Every structure is written in structure tokens, then in C-alpha cells.
Amino acid sequence: MARARGVTLRARGVNLIERLDLAVAAGTIHALVGRNGSGKSTLLRAFLGETDFTGELGCIDPIGYVPQQFEPDATVALTVGEFLALTRQRSPLFLGRSASRARVARALDRVGLRHLEQRPLCELSGGERRRVLLGHAFEPEPPLLLLDEPTEGLDAAARERFVELLRAARAAGSGALLVTHDRALVAACADEVTDLDALDAKGAA
């Protein structure tokens, strides 16, 4: 589903990651852990083609992605439903309105937010926005998930729902690369773990 071979990532003239080898197989959850600034989020962006790297990096399409940070533009008056519809519709909305609405409903049902479909996106709390992004990522069940601190800001019930979604995606054959500081989440879900701090220590030795 995703593979890195000898990948090096740099930022501001400093190597964040050096010669990393990593693979995410179908039906597995691969956790990526490490201190802040170790390059975890940068690696996800490299998989998305948003930052430069050296080495070999590749992944399957389509991808479900949850970024670590997401701040909607308060000057753009989009509702939650409109945001999800626009990100799912390749043709003009008027050509596929019913299908788009059905997909939006499924995405919000997955995360228990159907009641917020008409709420302006910019009025949601941080935890609610995170749940909208999770619904966006998991619908329609992509083969690969790139998840950057997906439980950040979630309450206990929403976190439990996320764990259920992630396990269901794995059971359906999806692969996931999970960036997290939540060691309990790693213990509950991860099949494999790459610790960037341990790799740095090994390199330094």
C-alpha cells in the first residue's frame, strides 16, 4: 500500500529523517511515533507529493488523509455538508447532487455528526472538525489511510468510534500509516511500529 526505501527528508537545512525504510501492507496498521519535529508529519506530506525527498517513495491511490491541523477559512461560508460534497464531486454538483448527498450522509453517519450537516464549518469546535475530517477520510473506504494525530481533540466516545472505524478498515483490507503520540492507541491498534527516535539513536551510535 505504501513503501519508503532509503528516504531522507530535510527541512531548514537539517535532516529530519535519514535513509528510512518503511512499508505499509494491506490490512495492517503501521504506527509512526517519535518526538515533535522528528519528521512524522513531513513524511506523510511526502507520500502526498507535497514536499521533496530523496530515495524511493510510493503509495497506492486513492488515499484517505487526516492532517494534523485544519483551520477552515472563516470568510468562506461553507456548511459541513457543502465542504464534504465539494471534496467528493469531480463533476459540477448539479450533475450528481443525489449521489453526493448520499456520500456526505454516509461520511457523517460514520462519525456521528449527521446533525451538523447544515452547520457552518468554521463554527465547529476543534474536536468536531477533526471528526468531520475522519468521516471524509474513511468514506468511501480507501485502500490507504494517512492519519496524522487523528485522535487529537477527541473525547472518549469519539476516540472509541475512531478505533472501531480503523479496525473495520483494517478488516476490510485497507492499510494505514498512523502518526500519533498516543501510546495507548498504538497498543490497541498497531500491527507494526516505527519509532523515529530509536532510528536516530541507532544512527548516532
C-alpha atoms as a PDB file:
ATOM      1  CA  MET A   1       0.000   0.000   0.000  1.00  0.00           C
ATOM      2  CA  ALA A   2       2.859   2.375   0.842  1.00  0.00           C
ATOM      3  CA  ARG A   3       6.617   1.971   0.879  1.00  0.00           C
ATOM      4  CA  ALA A   4       9.676   4.090   1.654  1.00  0.00           C
ATOM      5  CA  ARG A   5      13.182   2.940   0.753  1.00  0.00           C
ATOM      6  CA  GLY A   6      16.231   4.915   1.805  1.00  0.00           C
ATOM      7  CA  VAL A   7      14.139   8.074   2.223  1.00  0.00           C
ATOM      8  CA  THR A   8      15.761  11.230   3.555  1.00  0.00           C
ATOM      9  CA  LEU A   9      13.742  14.348   4.393  1.00  0.00           C
ATOM     10  CA  ARG A  10      15.239  17.765   5.062  1.00  0.00           C
ATOM     11  CA  ALA A  11      13.830  20.977   6.496  1.00  0.00           C
ATOM     12  CA  ARG A  12      15.669  24.269   7.018  1.00  0.00           C
ATOM     13  CA  GLY A  13      18.938  22.578   6.082  1.00  0.00           C
ATOM     14  CA  VAL A  14      18.599  19.804   8.663  1.00  0.00           C
ATOM     15  CA  ASN A  15      17.922  16.127   8.015  1.00  0.00           C
ATOM     16  CA  LEU A  16      14.685  15.197   9.785  1.00  0.00           C
ATOM     17  CA  ILE A  17      14.719  11.594   8.588  1.00  0.00           C
ATOM     18  CA  GLU A  18      17.710   9.742   7.134  1.00  0.00           C
ATOM     19  CA  ARG A  19      17.595   6.628   4.953  1.00  0.00           C
ATOM     20  CA  LEU A  20      14.224   5.433   6.252  1.00  0.00           C
ATOM     21  CA  ASP A  21      12.841   2.068   5.163  1.00  0.00           C
ATOM     22  CA  LEU A  22       9.146   1.512   5.897  1.00  0.00           C
ATOM     23  CA  ALA A  23       6.266  -0.466   4.425  1.00  0.00           C
ATOM     24  CA  VAL A  24       2.516  -0.487   4.994  1.00  0.00           C
ATOM     25  CA  ALA A  25       0.868  -3.721   3.873  1.00  0.00           C
ATOM     26  CA  ALA A  26      -2.781  -4.268   3.033  1.00  0.00           C
ATOM     27  CA  GLY A  27      -4.865  -4.989   6.102  1.00  0.00           C
ATOM     28  CA  THR A  28      -2.282  -3.607   8.553  1.00  0.00           C
ATOM     29  CA  ILE A  29      -1.914  -0.523  10.722  1.00  0.00           C
ATOM     30  CA  HIS A  30       1.626   0.854  10.865  1.00  0.00           C
ATOM     31  CA  ALA A  31       2.180   3.396  13.645  1.00  0.00           C
ATOM     32  CA  LEU A  32       4.817   6.117  13.251  1.00  0.00           C
ATOM     33  CA  VAL A  33       5.949   7.573  16.578  1.00  0.00           C
ATOM     34  CA  GLY A  34       8.662   9.954  17.730  1.00  0.00           C
ATOM     35  CA  ARG A  35       9.265  13.305  19.352  1.00  0.00           C
ATOM     36  CA  ASN A  36       7.910  16.569  17.955  1.00  0.00           C
ATOM     37  CA  GLY A  37       9.956  17.679  14.979  1.00  0.00           C
ATOM     38  CA  SER A  38      11.201  14.204  14.120  1.00  0.00           C
ATOM     39  CA  GLY A  39       9.621  14.318  10.649  1.00  0.00           C
ATOM     40  CA  LYS A  40       6.426  12.273  11.090  1.00  0.00           C
ATOM     41  CA  SER A  41       4.039  14.781   9.512  1.00  0.00           C
ATOM     42  CA  THR A  42       6.615  15.674   6.872  1.00  0.00           C
ATOM     43  CA  LEU A  43       6.766  12.028   5.817  1.00  0.00           C
ATOM     44  CA  LEU A  44       3.004  11.925   5.315  1.00  0.00           C
ATOM     45  CA  ARG A  45       3.218  15.065   3.183  1.00  0.00           C
ATOM     46  CA  ALA A  46       5.988  13.432   1.152  1.00  0.00           C
ATOM     47  CA  PHE A  47       3.681  10.492   0.417  1.00  0.00           C
ATOM     48  CA  LEU A  48       1.133  13.060  -0.791  1.00  0.00           C
ATOM     49  CA  GLY A  49       3.703  14.712  -3.063  1.00  0.00           C
ATOM     50  CA  GLU A  50       3.732  17.933  -1.046  1.00  0.00           C
ATOM     51  CA  THR A  51       7.397  18.006  -0.024  1.00  0.00           C
ATOM     52  CA  ASP A  52      10.727  16.993  -1.541  1.00  0.00           C
ATOM     53  CA  PHE A  53      12.679  13.912  -0.534  1.00  0.00           C
ATOM     54  CA  THR A  54      15.489  11.669  -1.700  1.00  0.00           C
ATOM     55  CA  GLY A  55      15.168   7.907  -2.004  1.00  0.00           C
ATOM     56  CA  GLU A  56      12.173   5.903  -3.164  1.00  0.00           C
ATOM     57  CA  LEU A  57       8.641   6.636  -2.012  1.00  0.00           C
ATOM     58  CA  GLY A  58       5.374   5.344  -3.398  1.00  0.00           C
ATOM     59  CA  CYS A  59       1.812   4.526  -2.432  1.00  0.00           C
ATOM     60  CA  ILE A  60      -1.465   3.324  -3.846  1.00  0.00           C
ATOM     61  CA  ASP A  61      -4.402   5.586  -4.741  1.00  0.00           C
ATOM     62  CA  PRO A  62      -6.885   6.711  -3.565  1.00  0.00           C
ATOM     63  CA  ILE A  63      -5.778   7.890  -0.153  1.00  0.00           C
ATOM     64  CA  GLY A  64      -7.825   8.929   2.861  1.00  0.00           C
ATOM     65  CA  TYR A  65      -5.915  11.697   4.656  1.00  0.00           C
ATOM     66  CA  VAL A  66      -6.385  13.429   8.004  1.00  0.00           C
ATOM     67  CA  PRO A  67      -3.964  16.338   8.523  1.00  0.00           C
ATOM     68  CA  GLN A  68      -2.673  17.281  11.943  1.00  0.00           C
ATOM     69  CA  GLN A  69      -4.023  20.814  11.614  1.00  0.00           C
ATOM     70  CA  PHE A  70      -7.009  22.157   9.723  1.00  0.00           C
ATOM     71  CA  GLU A  71      -8.358  25.694  10.034  1.00  0.00           C
ATOM     72  CA  PRO A  72     -11.258  26.486   7.694  1.00  0.00           C
ATOM     73  CA  ASP A  73     -11.394  29.934   6.119  1.00  0.00           C
ATOM     74  CA  ALA A  74     -13.975  31.870   8.130  1.00  0.00           C
ATOM     75  CA  THR A  75     -14.632  34.148   5.124  1.00  0.00           C
ATOM     76  CA  VAL A  76     -15.911  31.182   3.057  1.00  0.00           C
ATOM     77  CA  ALA A  77     -19.443  30.343   4.186  1.00  0.00           C
ATOM     78  CA  LEU A  78     -19.396  26.581   3.663  1.00  0.00           C
ATOM     79  CA  THR A  79     -21.561  24.235   5.658  1.00  0.00           C
ATOM     80  CA  VAL A  80     -20.230  20.869   6.767  1.00  0.00           C
ATOM     81  CA  GLY A  81     -22.322  19.155   4.091  1.00  0.00           C
ATOM     82  CA  GLU A  82     -21.135  21.515   1.362  1.00  0.00           C
ATOM     83  CA  PHE A  83     -17.487  21.020   2.350  1.00  0.00           C
ATOM     84  CA  LEU A  84     -17.813  17.246   2.120  1.00  0.00           C
ATOM     85  CA  ALA A  85     -19.785  17.425  -1.131  1.00  0.00           C
ATOM     86  CA  LEU A  86     -17.205  19.672  -2.806  1.00  0.00           C
ATOM     87  CA  THR A  87     -14.357  17.362  -1.850  1.00  0.00           C
ATOM     88  CA  ARG A  88     -16.167  14.354  -3.334  1.00  0.00           C
ATOM     89  CA  GLN A  89     -17.541  15.784  -6.553  1.00  0.00           C
ATOM     90  CA  ARG A  90     -15.374  15.811  -9.670  1.00  0.00           C
ATOM     91  CA  SER A  91     -18.190  16.964 -11.928  1.00  0.00           C
ATOM     92  CA  PRO A  92     -20.390  20.019 -11.210  1.00  0.00           C
ATOM     93  CA  LEU A  93     -22.591  19.491  -8.169  1.00  0.00           C
ATOM     94  CA  PHE A  94     -25.820  19.849 -10.151  1.00  0.00           C
ATOM     95  CA  LEU A  95     -24.859  16.785 -12.232  1.00  0.00           C
ATOM     96  CA  GLY A  96     -24.542  14.448  -9.278  1.00  0.00           C
ATOM     97  CA  ARG A  97     -26.405  16.005  -6.390  1.00  0.00           C
ATOM     98  CA  SER A  98     -28.223  12.925  -5.088  1.00  0.00           C
ATOM     99  CA  ALA A  99     -25.135  10.710  -5.183  1.00  0.00           C
ATOM    100  CA  SER A 100     -23.086  13.419  -3.498  1.00  0.00           C
ATOM    101  CA  ARG A 101     -25.662  13.848  -0.740  1.00  0.00           C
ATOM    102  CA  ALA A 102     -25.684  10.113  -0.094  1.00  0.00           C
ATOM    103  CA  ARG A 103     -21.904  10.063   0.282  1.00  0.00           C
ATOM    104  CA  VAL A 104     -21.977  13.075   2.606  1.00  0.00           C
ATOM    105  CA  ALA A 105     -24.625  11.351   4.738  1.00  0.00           C
ATOM    106  CA  ARG A 106     -22.521   8.187   4.959  1.00  0.00           C
ATOM    107  CA  ALA A 107     -19.409  10.150   5.911  1.00  0.00           C
ATOM    108  CA  LEU A 108     -21.206  11.984   8.717  1.00  0.00           C
ATOM    109  CA  ASP A 109     -23.003   8.869   9.929  1.00  0.00           C
ATOM    110  CA  ARG A 110     -19.630   7.145  10.356  1.00  0.00           C
ATOM    111  CA  VAL A 111     -18.564   9.744  12.914  1.00  0.00           C
ATOM    112  CA  GLY A 112     -21.949  10.506  14.476  1.00  0.00           C
ATOM    113  CA  LEU A 113     -22.265  14.049  13.105  1.00  0.00           C
ATOM    114  CA  ARG A 114     -25.269  13.843  10.789  1.00  0.00           C
ATOM    115  CA  HIS A 115     -26.982  16.518  12.872  1.00  0.00           C
ATOM    116  CA  LEU A 116     -24.244  19.020  11.940  1.00  0.00           C
ATOM    117  CA  GLU A 117     -24.617  18.738   8.164  1.00  0.00           C
ATOM    118  CA  GLN A 118     -26.050  22.261   7.837  1.00  0.00           C
ATOM    119  CA  ARG A 119     -23.744  23.867  10.405  1.00  0.00           C
ATOM    120  CA  PRO A 120     -21.122  26.311   9.054  1.00  0.00           C
ATOM    121  CA  LEU A 121     -17.773  24.551   9.039  1.00  0.00           C
ATOM    122  CA  CYS A 122     -15.997  27.474  10.682  1.00  0.00           C
ATOM    123  CA  GLU A 123     -18.350  27.303  13.696  1.00  0.00           C
ATOM    124  CA  LEU A 124     -17.376  23.766  14.687  1.00  0.00           C
ATOM    125  CA  SER A 125     -15.177  23.033  17.666  1.00  0.00           C
ATOM    126  CA  GLY A 126     -11.731  21.567  17.094  1.00  0.00           C
ATOM    127  CA  GLY A 127     -12.951  18.096  18.031  1.00  0.00           C
ATOM    128  CA  GLU A 128     -15.940  18.351  15.701  1.00  0.00           C
ATOM    129  CA  ARG A 129     -13.737  19.455  12.803  1.00  0.00           C
ATOM    130  CA  ARG A 130     -11.457  16.500  13.493  1.00  0.00           C
ATOM    131  CA  ARG A 131     -14.444  14.142  13.318  1.00  0.00           C
ATOM    132  CA  VAL A 132     -15.572  15.690  10.016  1.00  0.00           C
ATOM    133  CA  LEU A 133     -12.093  15.063   8.604  1.00  0.00           C
ATOM    134  CA  LEU A 134     -12.226  11.472   9.823  1.00  0.00           C
ATOM    135  CA  GLY A 135     -15.586  10.967   8.138  1.00  0.00           C
ATOM    136  CA  HIS A 136     -14.079  12.474   4.989  1.00  0.00           C
ATOM    137  CA  ALA A 137     -11.067  10.138   5.125  1.00  0.00           C
ATOM    138  CA  PHE A 138     -12.952   6.904   5.793  1.00  0.00           C
ATOM    139  CA  GLU A 139     -15.655   7.399   3.133  1.00  0.00           C
ATOM    140  CA  PRO A 140     -15.530   5.703   0.681  1.00  0.00           C
ATOM    141  CA  GLU A 141     -13.174   3.195   2.353  1.00  0.00           C
ATOM    142  CA  PRO A 142      -9.887   3.979   0.566  1.00  0.00           C
ATOM    143  CA  PRO A 143      -7.192   1.299   0.310  1.00  0.00           C
ATOM    144  CA  LEU A 144      -4.704   3.543   2.145  1.00  0.00           C
ATOM    145  CA  LEU A 145      -5.182   5.871   5.120  1.00  0.00           C
ATOM    146  CA  LEU A 146      -2.632   8.512   6.144  1.00  0.00           C
ATOM    147  CA  LEU A 147      -3.654   9.685   9.607  1.00  0.00           C
ATOM    148  CA  ASP A 148      -1.791  12.493  11.381  1.00  0.00           C
ATOM    149  CA  GLU A 149      -2.700  12.623  15.098  1.00  0.00           C
ATOM    150  CA  PRO A 150      -6.302  11.582  14.292  1.00  0.00           C
ATOM    151  CA  THR A 151      -7.444  11.423  17.938  1.00  0.00           C
ATOM    152  CA  GLU A 152      -6.238  14.930  18.825  1.00  0.00           C
ATOM    153  CA  GLY A 153      -9.112  16.832  20.453  1.00  0.00           C
ATOM    154  CA  LEU A 154     -11.495  13.869  20.515  1.00  0.00           C
ATOM    155  CA  ASP A 155     -13.457  12.956  23.630  1.00  0.00           C
ATOM    156  CA  ALA A 156     -13.539   9.368  24.876  1.00  0.00           C
ATOM    157  CA  ALA A 157     -16.655   8.392  22.902  1.00  0.00           C
ATOM    158  CA  ALA A 158     -15.340   9.853  19.646  1.00  0.00           C
ATOM    159  CA  ARG A 159     -11.964   8.204  20.197  1.00  0.00           C
ATOM    160  CA  GLU A 160     -13.653   4.837  20.686  1.00  0.00           C
ATOM    161  CA  ARG A 161     -15.647   5.341  17.478  1.00  0.00           C
ATOM    162  CA  PHE A 162     -12.424   6.157  15.630  1.00  0.00           C
ATOM    163  CA  VAL A 163     -10.773   2.972  16.893  1.00  0.00           C
ATOM    164  CA  GLU A 164     -13.785   0.988  15.643  1.00  0.00           C
ATOM    165  CA  LEU A 165     -13.553   2.671  12.221  1.00  0.00           C
ATOM    166  CA  LEU A 166      -9.829   1.999  11.987  1.00  0.00           C
ATOM    167  CA  ARG A 167     -10.185  -1.654  12.929  1.00  0.00           C
ATOM    168  CA  ALA A 168     -13.045  -2.078  10.459  1.00  0.00           C
ATOM    169  CA  ALA A 169     -10.936  -0.522   7.693  1.00  0.00           C
ATOM    170  CA  ARG A 170      -8.113  -2.939   8.508  1.00  0.00           C
ATOM    171  CA  ALA A 171     -10.514  -5.890   8.457  1.00  0.00           C
ATOM    172  CA  ALA A 172     -11.724  -4.747   5.024  1.00  0.00           C
ATOM    173  CA  GLY A 173      -8.129  -4.815   3.710  1.00  0.00           C
ATOM    174  CA  SER A 174      -7.114  -1.164   3.972  1.00  0.00           C
ATOM    175  CA  GLY A 175      -3.638  -0.214   5.113  1.00  0.00           C
ATOM    176  CA  ALA A 176      -2.989   2.718   7.441  1.00  0.00           C
ATOM    177  CA  LEU A 177       0.040   4.809   8.356  1.00  0.00           C
ATOM    178  CA  LEU A 178      -0.832   6.291  11.737  1.00  0.00           C
ATOM    179  CA  VAL A 179       1.129   9.195  13.216  1.00  0.00           C
ATOM    180  CA  THR A 180       0.406   9.522  16.929  1.00  0.00           C
ATOM    181  CA  HIS A 181       1.760  10.356  20.359  1.00  0.00           C
ATOM    182  CA  ASP A 182      -0.968   8.220  21.909  1.00  0.00           C
ATOM    183  CA  ARG A 183       0.817   5.097  23.117  1.00  0.00           C
ATOM    184  CA  ALA A 184      -2.474   3.547  24.250  1.00  0.00           C
ATOM    185  CA  LEU A 185      -3.785   3.906  20.701  1.00  0.00           C
ATOM    186  CA  VAL A 186      -0.637   2.265  19.348  1.00  0.00           C
ATOM    187  CA  ALA A 187      -1.063  -0.637  21.767  1.00  0.00           C
ATOM    188  CA  ALA A 188      -4.741  -1.022  20.846  1.00  0.00           C
ATOM    189  CA  CYS A 189      -4.430  -0.869  17.062  1.00  0.00           C
ATOM    190  CA  ALA A 190      -0.955  -1.049  15.595  1.00  0.00           C
ATOM    191  CA  ASP A 191       0.385  -4.154  13.864  1.00  0.00           C
ATOM    192  CA  GLU A 192       3.792  -2.555  13.296  1.00  0.00           C
ATOM    193  CA  VAL A 193       5.570   0.423  14.823  1.00  0.00           C
ATOM    194  CA  THR A 194       8.400   2.610  13.537  1.00  0.00           C
ATOM    195  CA  ASP A 195       9.967   4.796  16.229  1.00  0.00           C
ATOM    196  CA  LEU A 196      11.889   7.645  14.595  1.00  0.00           C
ATOM    197  CA  ASP A 197      13.651   8.442  17.881  1.00  0.00           C
ATOM    198  CA  ALA A 198      15.025   4.907  18.023  1.00  0.00           C
ATOM    199  CA  LEU A 199      16.231   5.190  14.436  1.00  0.00           C
ATOM    200  CA  ASP A 200      18.004   8.463  15.275  1.00  0.00           C
ATOM    201  CA  ALA A 201      19.672   6.867  18.281  1.00  0.00           C
ATOM    202  CA  LYS A 202      20.827   3.942  16.179  1.00  0.00           C
ATOM    203  CA  GLY A 203      22.249   6.278  13.569  1.00  0.00           C
ATOM    204  CA  ALA A 204      24.041   8.343  16.196  1.00  0.00           C
ATOM    205  CA  ALA A 205      25.604   5.233  17.705  1.00  0.00           C
END
